[in-house]
């Protein structure tokens, strides 16, 4: 991989990650119905847009399905790093109360099920608290989730955006 490839993927990943962070923070601070769907559409559109730009930059040699899908994977790793880093900071600083409220709602639902004893619920609460507010876990899980989601969407997007080589392009030869 050359530096231009990684630079393009990192910029595209930063944009996708920034949009994911913005949607996530909006869902926490001022939720409304349909915001998750809007975030999904924005992410899929951005993946398609940047992968199309990459495929078009390959020129007459074309860009295979695997190359486009690989670009999407690298882009989503960068998006996951940005998203995870910002989310780890948010969870432990300015949005901590909102995340604790969401954790409390989850624990209330588990209590209402009536399947677990009080000691099991207390143990689960401790584990969930430790996991949700651990910056390393938040970062790693964000990278993994963005990578899996992006590659899943990318399976179709890469098929649409791939480009065949131009058979009529003049072959450049370095022979003298």
N, C-alpha and C. Protein backbone atom coordinates (compact mmCIF):
# COMPACT_ATOMS: atom_id res chain seq x y z
N UNK A 1 0.84 -1.18 0.00
CA UNK A 1 0.00 0.00 0.00
C UNK A 1 0.88 1.25 0.00
N UNK A 2 0.52 2.17 -0.82
CA UNK A 2 1.30 3.40 -0.85
C UNK A 2 0.68 4.45 0.05
N UNK A 3 1.41 5.51 0.26
CA UNK A 3 0.96 6.57 1.17
C UNK A 3 -0.29 7.28 0.67
N UNK A 4 -0.42 7.44 -0.64
CA UNK A 4 -1.59 8.10 -1.19
C UNK A 4 -2.85 7.28 -0.89
N UNK A 5 -2.74 5.97 -1.01
CA UNK A 5 -3.87 5.08 -0.72
C UNK A 5 -4.29 5.23 0.74
N UNK A 6 -3.33 5.17 1.65
CA UNK A 6 -3.65 5.30 3.07
C UNK A 6 -4.15 6.70 3.42
N UNK A 7 -3.62 7.71 2.78
CA UNK A 7 -4.09 9.08 3.02
C UNK A 7 -5.54 9.23 2.59
N UNK A 8 -5.85 8.74 1.40
CA UNK A 8 -7.24 8.82 0.91
C UNK A 8 -8.18 8.04 1.80
N UNK A 9 -7.75 6.83 2.21
CA UNK A 9 -8.60 6.00 3.08
C UNK A 9 -8.78 6.65 4.45
N UNK A 10 -7.74 7.28 4.96
CA UNK A 10 -7.86 7.90 6.29
C UNK A 10 -8.76 9.13 6.25
N UNK A 11 -8.69 9.91 5.19
CA UNK A 11 -9.57 11.08 5.07
C UNK A 11 -11.02 10.62 4.93
N UNK A 12 -11.25 9.63 4.09
CA UNK A 12 -12.61 9.11 3.91
C UNK A 12 -13.12 8.51 5.22
N UNK A 13 -12.26 7.76 5.91
CA UNK A 13 -12.64 7.17 7.19
C UNK A 13 -12.92 8.22 8.24
N UNK A 14 -12.16 9.31 8.22
CA UNK A 14 -12.40 10.38 9.18
C UNK A 14 -13.76 11.02 8.95
N UNK A 15 -14.15 11.20 7.70
CA UNK A 15 -15.45 11.78 7.41
C UNK A 15 -16.57 10.84 7.86
N UNK A 16 -16.44 9.55 7.54
CA UNK A 16 -17.44 8.57 7.96
C UNK A 16 -17.50 8.50 9.48
N UNK A 17 -16.35 8.47 10.13
CA UNK A 17 -16.31 8.43 11.59
C UNK A 17 -16.91 9.67 12.23
N UNK A 18 -16.62 10.84 11.65
CA UNK A 18 -17.16 12.08 12.19
C UNK A 18 -18.68 12.10 12.09
N UNK A 19 -19.23 11.65 10.97
CA UNK A 19 -20.68 11.60 10.81
C UNK A 19 -21.29 10.62 11.81
N UNK A 20 -20.63 9.47 12.00
CA UNK A 20 -21.13 8.49 12.98
C UNK A 20 -21.12 9.07 14.39
N UNK A 21 -20.08 9.81 14.74
CA UNK A 21 -20.01 10.45 16.05
C UNK A 21 -21.12 11.48 16.20
N UNK A 22 -21.32 12.29 15.17
CA UNK A 22 -22.35 13.32 15.24
C UNK A 22 -23.74 12.71 15.43
N UNK A 23 -24.03 11.65 14.70
CA UNK A 23 -25.33 10.98 14.83
C UNK A 23 -25.46 10.35 16.21
N UNK A 24 -24.39 9.72 16.69
CA UNK A 24 -24.43 9.09 18.01
C UNK A 24 -24.66 10.12 19.11
N UNK A 25 -23.99 11.24 19.03
CA UNK A 25 -24.17 12.28 20.04
C UNK A 25 -25.57 12.90 19.96
N UNK A 26 -26.09 13.02 18.75
CA UNK A 26 -27.45 13.54 18.61
C UNK A 26 -28.47 12.56 19.20
N UNK A 27 -28.22 11.26 19.05
CA UNK A 27 -29.13 10.27 19.62
C UNK A 27 -29.12 10.33 21.13
N UNK A 28 -28.00 10.68 21.72
CA UNK A 28 -27.90 10.76 23.17
C UNK A 28 -28.50 12.08 23.67
N UNK A 29 -28.13 13.17 23.04
CA UNK A 29 -28.52 14.49 23.54
C UNK A 29 -29.95 14.89 23.16
N UNK A 30 -30.32 14.68 21.93
CA UNK A 30 -31.66 15.09 21.48
C UNK A 30 -32.24 14.04 20.53
N UNK A 31 -32.66 12.91 21.08
CA UNK A 31 -33.13 11.82 20.22
C UNK A 31 -34.47 12.14 19.55
N UNK A 32 -34.62 11.65 18.34
CA UNK A 32 -35.91 11.71 17.66
C UNK A 32 -36.03 10.50 16.75
N UNK A 33 -37.25 10.12 16.46
CA UNK A 33 -37.50 8.94 15.64
C UNK A 33 -36.91 9.16 14.25
N UNK A 34 -36.25 8.16 13.75
CA UNK A 34 -35.69 8.23 12.41
C UNK A 34 -34.25 8.65 12.35
N UNK A 35 -33.67 9.08 13.46
CA UNK A 35 -32.28 9.54 13.45
C UNK A 35 -31.33 8.38 13.15
N UNK A 36 -31.62 7.21 13.68
CA UNK A 36 -30.79 6.05 13.40
C UNK A 36 -30.80 5.68 11.93
N UNK A 37 -31.97 5.78 11.32
CA UNK A 37 -32.09 5.48 9.89
C UNK A 37 -31.36 6.52 9.05
N UNK A 38 -31.44 7.77 9.46
CA UNK A 38 -30.71 8.83 8.75
C UNK A 38 -29.20 8.59 8.85
N UNK A 39 -28.74 8.18 10.04
CA UNK A 39 -27.33 7.87 10.22
C UNK A 39 -26.89 6.70 9.36
N UNK A 40 -27.74 5.69 9.26
CA UNK A 40 -27.45 4.53 8.40
C UNK A 40 -27.33 4.95 6.95
N UNK A 41 -28.30 5.73 6.47
CA UNK A 41 -28.26 6.18 5.08
C UNK A 41 -27.03 7.04 4.80
N UNK A 42 -26.69 7.91 5.74
CA UNK A 42 -25.50 8.77 5.57
C UNK A 42 -24.24 7.93 5.49
N UNK A 43 -24.13 6.92 6.35
CA UNK A 43 -22.94 6.08 6.33
C UNK A 43 -22.84 5.28 5.03
N UNK A 44 -23.93 4.70 4.59
CA UNK A 44 -23.91 3.92 3.35
C UNK A 44 -23.60 4.84 2.16
N UNK A 45 -24.19 6.03 2.13
CA UNK A 45 -23.91 6.95 1.05
C UNK A 45 -22.44 7.36 1.03
N UNK A 46 -21.88 7.67 2.20
CA UNK A 46 -20.47 8.07 2.27
C UNK A 46 -19.54 6.94 1.85
N UNK A 47 -19.84 5.72 2.26
CA UNK A 47 -19.03 4.57 1.83
C UNK A 47 -19.08 4.44 0.31
N UNK A 48 -20.28 4.57 -0.24
CA UNK A 48 -20.43 4.48 -1.69
C UNK A 48 -19.71 5.61 -2.41
N UNK A 49 -19.82 6.81 -1.88
CA UNK A 49 -19.19 7.97 -2.51
C UNK A 49 -17.67 7.83 -2.54
N UNK A 50 -17.08 7.52 -1.38
CA UNK A 50 -15.62 7.44 -1.33
C UNK A 50 -15.07 6.22 -2.05
N UNK A 51 -15.81 5.12 -2.05
CA UNK A 51 -15.32 3.96 -2.79
C UNK A 51 -15.44 4.21 -4.30
N UNK A 52 -16.44 4.96 -4.75
CA UNK A 52 -16.56 5.31 -6.16
C UNK A 52 -15.41 6.22 -6.56
N UNK A 53 -15.07 7.19 -5.70
CA UNK A 53 -13.93 8.07 -5.99
C UNK A 53 -12.64 7.26 -6.10
N UNK A 54 -12.48 6.27 -5.23
CA UNK A 54 -11.29 5.43 -5.29
C UNK A 54 -11.27 4.63 -6.59
N UNK A 55 -12.39 4.01 -6.93
CA UNK A 55 -12.44 3.19 -8.15
C UNK A 55 -12.17 4.04 -9.39
N UNK A 56 -12.69 5.26 -9.41
CA UNK A 56 -12.45 6.14 -10.55
C UNK A 56 -11.00 6.59 -10.63
N UNK A 57 -10.31 6.63 -9.50
CA UNK A 57 -8.91 7.07 -9.50
C UNK A 57 -7.96 6.00 -10.02
N UNK A 58 -8.46 4.78 -10.19
CA UNK A 58 -7.59 3.70 -10.68
C UNK A 58 -7.26 3.85 -12.15
N UNK A 59 -8.01 4.66 -12.85
CA UNK A 59 -7.72 4.94 -14.26
C UNK A 59 -8.05 3.79 -15.18
N UNK A 60 -7.27 3.66 -16.24
CA UNK A 60 -7.58 2.68 -17.28
C UNK A 60 -7.28 1.25 -16.85
N UNK A 61 -6.50 1.07 -15.81
CA UNK A 61 -6.19 -0.30 -15.37
C UNK A 61 -7.37 -0.94 -14.64
N UNK A 62 -8.35 -0.13 -14.28
CA UNK A 62 -9.54 -0.66 -13.62
C UNK A 62 -9.33 -0.90 -12.14
N UNK A 63 -10.40 -1.28 -11.48
CA UNK A 63 -10.36 -1.51 -10.04
C UNK A 63 -11.29 -2.68 -9.75
N UNK A 64 -10.73 -3.77 -9.28
CA UNK A 64 -11.51 -4.99 -9.08
C UNK A 64 -12.41 -4.88 -7.85
N UNK A 65 -13.30 -5.83 -7.73
CA UNK A 65 -14.20 -5.93 -6.59
C UNK A 65 -13.40 -6.01 -5.29
N UNK A 66 -12.38 -6.84 -5.28
CA UNK A 66 -11.55 -7.02 -4.09
C UNK A 66 -10.80 -5.76 -3.70
N UNK A 67 -10.33 -5.02 -4.68
CA UNK A 67 -9.63 -3.77 -4.39
C UNK A 67 -10.57 -2.75 -3.76
N UNK A 68 -11.77 -2.63 -4.30
CA UNK A 68 -12.73 -1.68 -3.75
C UNK A 68 -13.15 -2.11 -2.34
N UNK A 69 -13.41 -3.40 -2.15
CA UNK A 69 -13.79 -3.90 -0.83
C UNK A 69 -12.65 -3.72 0.17
N UNK A 70 -11.41 -3.93 -0.26
CA UNK A 70 -10.26 -3.70 0.61
C UNK A 70 -10.13 -2.24 1.01
N UNK A 71 -10.38 -1.35 0.05
CA UNK A 71 -10.36 0.08 0.34
C UNK A 71 -11.42 0.43 1.37
N UNK A 72 -12.61 -0.13 1.21
CA UNK A 72 -13.69 0.12 2.17
C UNK A 72 -13.28 -0.38 3.55
N UNK A 73 -12.65 -1.55 3.62
CA UNK A 73 -12.22 -2.09 4.92
C UNK A 73 -11.20 -1.18 5.59
N UNK A 74 -10.21 -0.71 4.84
CA UNK A 74 -9.20 0.19 5.41
C UNK A 74 -9.85 1.50 5.84
N UNK A 75 -10.76 2.01 5.02
CA UNK A 75 -11.47 3.24 5.35
C UNK A 75 -12.25 3.07 6.65
N UNK A 76 -12.90 1.94 6.83
CA UNK A 76 -13.72 1.72 8.02
C UNK A 76 -12.86 1.50 9.27
N UNK A 77 -11.65 1.00 9.12
CA UNK A 77 -10.75 0.90 10.28
C UNK A 77 -10.42 2.31 10.78
N UNK A 78 -10.12 3.21 9.86
CA UNK A 78 -9.86 4.60 10.27
C UNK A 78 -11.10 5.24 10.88
N UNK A 79 -12.27 4.95 10.30
CA UNK A 79 -13.52 5.49 10.85
C UNK A 79 -13.75 4.95 12.26
N UNK A 80 -13.47 3.68 12.47
CA UNK A 80 -13.64 3.08 13.80
C UNK A 80 -12.70 3.66 14.83
N UNK A 81 -11.47 3.97 14.42
CA UNK A 81 -10.51 4.58 15.34
C UNK A 81 -11.01 5.95 15.79
N UNK A 82 -11.44 6.78 14.84
CA UNK A 82 -11.95 8.11 15.19
C UNK A 82 -13.20 7.99 16.05
N UNK A 83 -14.14 7.17 15.61
CA UNK A 83 -15.40 7.01 16.34
C UNK A 83 -15.15 6.48 17.75
N UNK A 84 -14.29 5.48 17.88
CA UNK A 84 -14.00 4.90 19.20
C UNK A 84 -13.31 5.87 20.13
N UNK A 85 -12.37 6.64 19.59
CA UNK A 85 -11.65 7.60 20.43
C UNK A 85 -12.59 8.69 20.95
N UNK A 86 -13.42 9.23 20.07
CA UNK A 86 -14.35 10.28 20.50
C UNK A 86 -15.39 9.71 21.45
N UNK A 87 -15.89 8.51 21.16
CA UNK A 87 -16.90 7.91 22.02
C UNK A 87 -16.31 7.58 23.40
N UNK A 88 -15.07 7.13 23.45
CA UNK A 88 -14.44 6.84 24.74
C UNK A 88 -14.32 8.11 25.59
N UNK A 89 -14.00 9.21 24.96
CA UNK A 89 -13.93 10.49 25.68
C UNK A 89 -15.33 10.91 26.12
N UNK A 90 -16.30 10.79 25.22
CA UNK A 90 -17.67 11.22 25.53
C UNK A 90 -18.27 10.40 26.66
N UNK A 91 -18.04 9.09 26.63
CA UNK A 91 -18.60 8.20 27.65
C UNK A 91 -18.05 8.54 29.03
N UNK A 92 -16.83 8.96 29.08
CA UNK A 92 -16.20 9.20 30.38
C UNK A 92 -16.17 10.67 30.79
N UNK A 93 -16.72 11.57 29.98
CA UNK A 93 -16.71 12.98 30.36
C UNK A 93 -18.09 13.62 30.21
N UNK A 94 -18.33 14.29 29.09
CA UNK A 94 -19.51 15.15 28.99
C UNK A 94 -20.82 14.40 28.77
N UNK A 95 -20.80 13.16 28.32
CA UNK A 95 -22.05 12.42 28.10
C UNK A 95 -22.18 11.24 29.07
N UNK A 96 -21.42 11.29 30.16
CA UNK A 96 -21.43 10.17 31.10
C UNK A 96 -22.81 9.95 31.72
N UNK A 97 -23.48 11.01 32.07
CA UNK A 97 -24.80 10.88 32.69
C UNK A 97 -25.80 10.22 31.75
N UNK A 98 -25.76 10.58 30.47
CA UNK A 98 -26.68 9.98 29.51
C UNK A 98 -26.38 8.49 29.32
N UNK A 99 -25.09 8.12 29.26
CA UNK A 99 -24.74 6.72 29.12
C UNK A 99 -25.11 5.92 30.38
N UNK A 100 -24.94 6.53 31.53
CA UNK A 100 -25.34 5.85 32.78
C UNK A 100 -26.86 5.66 32.81
N UNK A 101 -27.60 6.63 32.32
CA UNK A 101 -29.07 6.50 32.26
C UNK A 101 -29.47 5.37 31.32
N UNK A 102 -28.79 5.26 30.17
CA UNK A 102 -29.08 4.15 29.25
C UNK A 102 -28.73 2.80 29.87
N UNK A 103 -27.62 2.76 30.60
CA UNK A 103 -27.24 1.52 31.29
C UNK A 103 -28.27 1.17 32.36
N UNK A 104 -28.75 2.18 33.07
CA UNK A 104 -29.79 1.94 34.07
C UNK A 104 -31.07 1.41 33.46
N UNK A 105 -31.46 1.93 32.30
CA UNK A 105 -32.65 1.43 31.61
C UNK A 105 -32.48 -0.03 31.21
N UNK A 106 -31.29 -0.37 30.75
CA UNK A 106 -31.02 -1.76 30.37
C UNK A 106 -31.11 -2.68 31.59
N UNK A 107 -30.57 -2.23 32.70
CA UNK A 107 -30.61 -3.05 33.91
C UNK A 107 -32.05 -3.18 34.42
N UNK A 108 -32.85 -2.12 34.30
CA UNK A 108 -34.26 -2.20 34.71
C UNK A 108 -35.01 -3.23 33.87
N UNK A 109 -34.72 -3.27 32.58
CA UNK A 109 -35.36 -4.26 31.71
C UNK A 109 -34.97 -5.68 32.11
N UNK A 110 -33.71 -5.85 32.48
CA UNK A 110 -33.24 -7.18 32.90
C UNK A 110 -33.92 -7.58 34.21
N UNK A 111 -34.08 -6.63 35.12
CA UNK A 111 -34.75 -6.91 36.39
C UNK A 111 -36.21 -7.32 36.16
N UNK A 112 -36.88 -6.62 35.24
CA UNK A 112 -38.29 -6.91 34.96
C UNK A 112 -38.50 -8.29 34.37
N UNK A 113 -37.48 -8.83 33.71
CA UNK A 113 -37.61 -10.17 33.13
C UNK A 113 -37.83 -11.21 34.21
N UNK A 114 -37.25 -11.00 35.39
CA UNK A 114 -37.44 -11.92 36.50
C UNK A 114 -36.69 -13.23 36.39
N UNK A 115 -35.74 -13.31 35.49
CA UNK A 115 -35.00 -14.55 35.27
C UNK A 115 -33.78 -14.64 36.18
N UNK A 116 -33.19 -13.51 36.51
CA UNK A 116 -31.93 -13.49 37.25
C UNK A 116 -32.17 -13.13 38.72
N UNK A 117 -31.29 -13.66 39.57
CA UNK A 117 -31.38 -13.32 40.99
C UNK A 117 -30.75 -11.94 41.21
N UNK A 118 -30.95 -11.40 42.42
CA UNK A 118 -30.41 -10.07 42.73
C UNK A 118 -28.89 -10.05 42.66
N UNK A 119 -28.26 -11.14 43.09
CA UNK A 119 -26.79 -11.18 43.04
C UNK A 119 -26.29 -11.25 41.60
N UNK A 120 -27.01 -11.97 40.75
CA UNK A 120 -26.61 -12.02 39.34
C UNK A 120 -26.79 -10.65 38.68
N UNK A 121 -27.87 -9.97 39.01
CA UNK A 121 -28.10 -8.64 38.45
C UNK A 121 -27.03 -7.66 38.92
N UNK A 122 -26.66 -7.76 40.19
CA UNK A 122 -25.60 -6.89 40.72
C UNK A 122 -24.28 -7.16 40.01
N UNK A 123 -23.99 -8.45 39.78
CA UNK A 123 -22.76 -8.82 39.08
C UNK A 123 -22.78 -8.31 37.63
N UNK A 124 -23.92 -8.48 36.96
CA UNK A 124 -24.05 -7.99 35.58
C UNK A 124 -23.90 -6.48 35.52
N UNK A 125 -24.48 -5.78 36.47
CA UNK A 125 -24.37 -4.33 36.50
C UNK A 125 -22.92 -3.90 36.62
N UNK A 126 -22.18 -4.58 37.48
CA UNK A 126 -20.76 -4.26 37.64
C UNK A 126 -19.96 -4.52 36.37
N UNK A 127 -20.24 -5.65 35.72
CA UNK A 127 -19.53 -5.98 34.48
C UNK A 127 -19.88 -5.00 33.36
N UNK A 128 -21.17 -4.69 33.23
CA UNK A 128 -21.58 -3.77 32.18
C UNK A 128 -20.99 -2.38 32.42
N UNK A 129 -20.93 -1.97 33.66
CA UNK A 129 -20.35 -0.67 34.00
C UNK A 129 -18.87 -0.65 33.65
N UNK A 130 -18.17 -1.74 33.98
CA UNK A 130 -16.73 -1.81 33.70
C UNK A 130 -16.46 -1.82 32.20
N UNK A 131 -17.31 -2.49 31.44
CA UNK A 131 -17.09 -2.59 30.00
C UNK A 131 -17.48 -1.30 29.28
N UNK A 132 -18.62 -0.73 29.62
CA UNK A 132 -19.12 0.44 28.91
C UNK A 132 -18.26 1.69 29.13
N UNK A 133 -17.55 1.75 30.22
CA UNK A 133 -16.78 2.95 30.53
C UNK A 133 -15.27 2.72 30.45
N UNK A 134 -14.86 1.58 29.89
CA UNK A 134 -13.44 1.28 29.69
C UNK A 134 -13.03 1.81 28.32
N UNK A 135 -12.14 2.80 28.25
CA UNK A 135 -11.78 3.41 26.96
C UNK A 135 -11.18 2.41 25.96
N UNK A 136 -10.39 1.47 26.44
CA UNK A 136 -9.77 0.49 25.54
C UNK A 136 -10.85 -0.39 24.91
N UNK A 137 -11.79 -0.85 25.73
CA UNK A 137 -12.87 -1.69 25.21
C UNK A 137 -13.73 -0.90 24.23
N UNK A 138 -14.03 0.34 24.55
CA UNK A 138 -14.85 1.17 23.66
C UNK A 138 -14.15 1.35 22.33
N UNK A 139 -12.84 1.60 22.35
CA UNK A 139 -12.08 1.80 21.11
C UNK A 139 -12.05 0.53 20.27
N UNK A 140 -11.71 -0.59 20.89
CA UNK A 140 -11.61 -1.85 20.15
C UNK A 140 -12.97 -2.29 19.61
N UNK A 141 -14.01 -2.18 20.42
CA UNK A 141 -15.33 -2.58 19.94
C UNK A 141 -15.84 -1.65 18.84
N UNK A 142 -15.47 -0.39 18.91
CA UNK A 142 -15.88 0.55 17.86
C UNK A 142 -15.18 0.24 16.54
N UNK A 143 -13.91 -0.05 16.60
CA UNK A 143 -13.18 -0.41 15.38
C UNK A 143 -13.79 -1.67 14.78
N UNK A 144 -14.03 -2.68 15.61
CA UNK A 144 -14.59 -3.94 15.12
C UNK A 144 -15.99 -3.74 14.53
N UNK A 145 -16.83 -2.96 15.22
CA UNK A 145 -18.19 -2.78 14.72
C UNK A 145 -18.22 -1.95 13.44
N UNK A 146 -17.41 -0.91 13.35
CA UNK A 146 -17.37 -0.12 12.12
C UNK A 146 -16.81 -0.95 10.97
N UNK A 147 -15.80 -1.76 11.24
CA UNK A 147 -15.22 -2.61 10.20
C UNK A 147 -16.24 -3.62 9.70
N UNK A 148 -16.91 -4.31 10.62
CA UNK A 148 -17.91 -5.31 10.21
C UNK A 148 -19.08 -4.68 9.47
N UNK A 149 -19.59 -3.57 9.99
CA UNK A 149 -20.70 -2.90 9.33
C UNK A 149 -20.32 -2.37 7.96
N UNK A 150 -19.16 -1.73 7.87
CA UNK A 150 -18.72 -1.17 6.60
C UNK A 150 -18.46 -2.23 5.55
N UNK A 151 -17.84 -3.33 5.95
CA UNK A 151 -17.58 -4.41 5.00
C UNK A 151 -18.89 -5.09 4.60
N UNK A 152 -19.82 -5.20 5.53
CA UNK A 152 -21.12 -5.79 5.19
C UNK A 152 -21.83 -4.94 4.13
N UNK A 153 -21.88 -3.64 4.34
CA UNK A 153 -22.48 -2.76 3.32
C UNK A 153 -21.61 -2.75 2.06
N UNK A 154 -20.31 -2.85 2.26
CA UNK A 154 -19.37 -2.81 1.16
C UNK A 154 -19.46 -4.00 0.22
N UNK A 155 -20.04 -5.11 0.68
CA UNK A 155 -20.19 -6.26 -0.21
C UNK A 155 -21.01 -5.90 -1.44
N UNK A 156 -22.02 -5.10 -1.25
CA UNK A 156 -22.85 -4.67 -2.37
C UNK A 156 -22.27 -3.42 -3.03
N UNK A 157 -21.80 -2.49 -2.20
CA UNK A 157 -21.26 -1.24 -2.74
C UNK A 157 -20.05 -1.51 -3.64
N UNK A 158 -19.18 -2.43 -3.25
CA UNK A 158 -18.00 -2.75 -4.05
C UNK A 158 -18.39 -3.37 -5.39
N UNK A 159 -19.45 -4.16 -5.39
CA UNK A 159 -19.91 -4.75 -6.65
C UNK A 159 -20.43 -3.67 -7.60
N UNK A 160 -21.04 -2.65 -7.05
CA UNK A 160 -21.57 -1.56 -7.88
C UNK A 160 -20.45 -0.65 -8.37
N UNK A 161 -19.46 -0.38 -7.52
CA UNK A 161 -18.44 0.62 -7.84
C UNK A 161 -17.19 0.07 -8.52
N UNK A 162 -17.06 -1.21 -8.65
CA UNK A 162 -15.86 -1.76 -9.31
C UNK A 162 -15.80 -1.29 -10.75
N UNK A 163 -14.60 -1.26 -11.29
CA UNK A 163 -14.43 -0.81 -12.68
C UNK A 163 -13.57 -1.80 -13.43
N UNK A 164 -14.01 -2.16 -14.59
CA UNK A 164 -13.22 -3.03 -15.45
C UNK A 164 -12.09 -2.22 -16.10
N UNK A 165 -11.03 -2.90 -16.45
CA UNK A 165 -9.93 -2.24 -17.14
C UNK A 165 -10.38 -1.81 -18.53
N UNK A 166 -9.83 -0.72 -19.00
CA UNK A 166 -10.16 -0.22 -20.33
C UNK A 166 -9.33 -0.98 -21.36
N UNK A 167 -9.97 -1.82 -22.19
CA UNK A 167 -9.19 -2.61 -23.14
C UNK A 167 -8.62 -1.77 -24.28
N UNK A 168 -9.13 -0.57 -24.48
CA UNK A 168 -8.67 0.26 -25.58
C UNK A 168 -7.65 1.32 -25.15
N UNK A 169 -7.27 1.29 -23.87
CA UNK A 169 -6.28 2.27 -23.39
C UNK A 169 -4.92 1.92 -23.96
N UNK A 170 -4.17 2.95 -24.26
CA UNK A 170 -2.83 2.72 -24.80
C UNK A 170 -1.93 2.23 -23.68
N UNK A 171 -1.24 1.19 -23.96
CA UNK A 171 -0.33 0.62 -22.97
C UNK A 171 0.96 1.41 -22.98
N UNK A 172 1.33 1.88 -21.81
CA UNK A 172 2.55 2.67 -21.69
C UNK A 172 3.71 1.72 -21.44
N UNK A 173 4.67 1.81 -22.26
CA UNK A 173 5.83 0.91 -22.16
C UNK A 173 7.07 1.73 -21.83
N UNK A 174 7.88 1.17 -21.00
CA UNK A 174 9.13 1.84 -20.60
C UNK A 174 10.31 1.39 -21.44
N UNK A 175 10.04 0.62 -22.50
CA UNK A 175 11.11 0.14 -23.34
C UNK A 175 11.61 1.26 -24.24
N UNK A 176 12.90 1.26 -24.51
CA UNK A 176 13.48 2.29 -25.40
C UNK A 176 14.05 1.67 -26.62
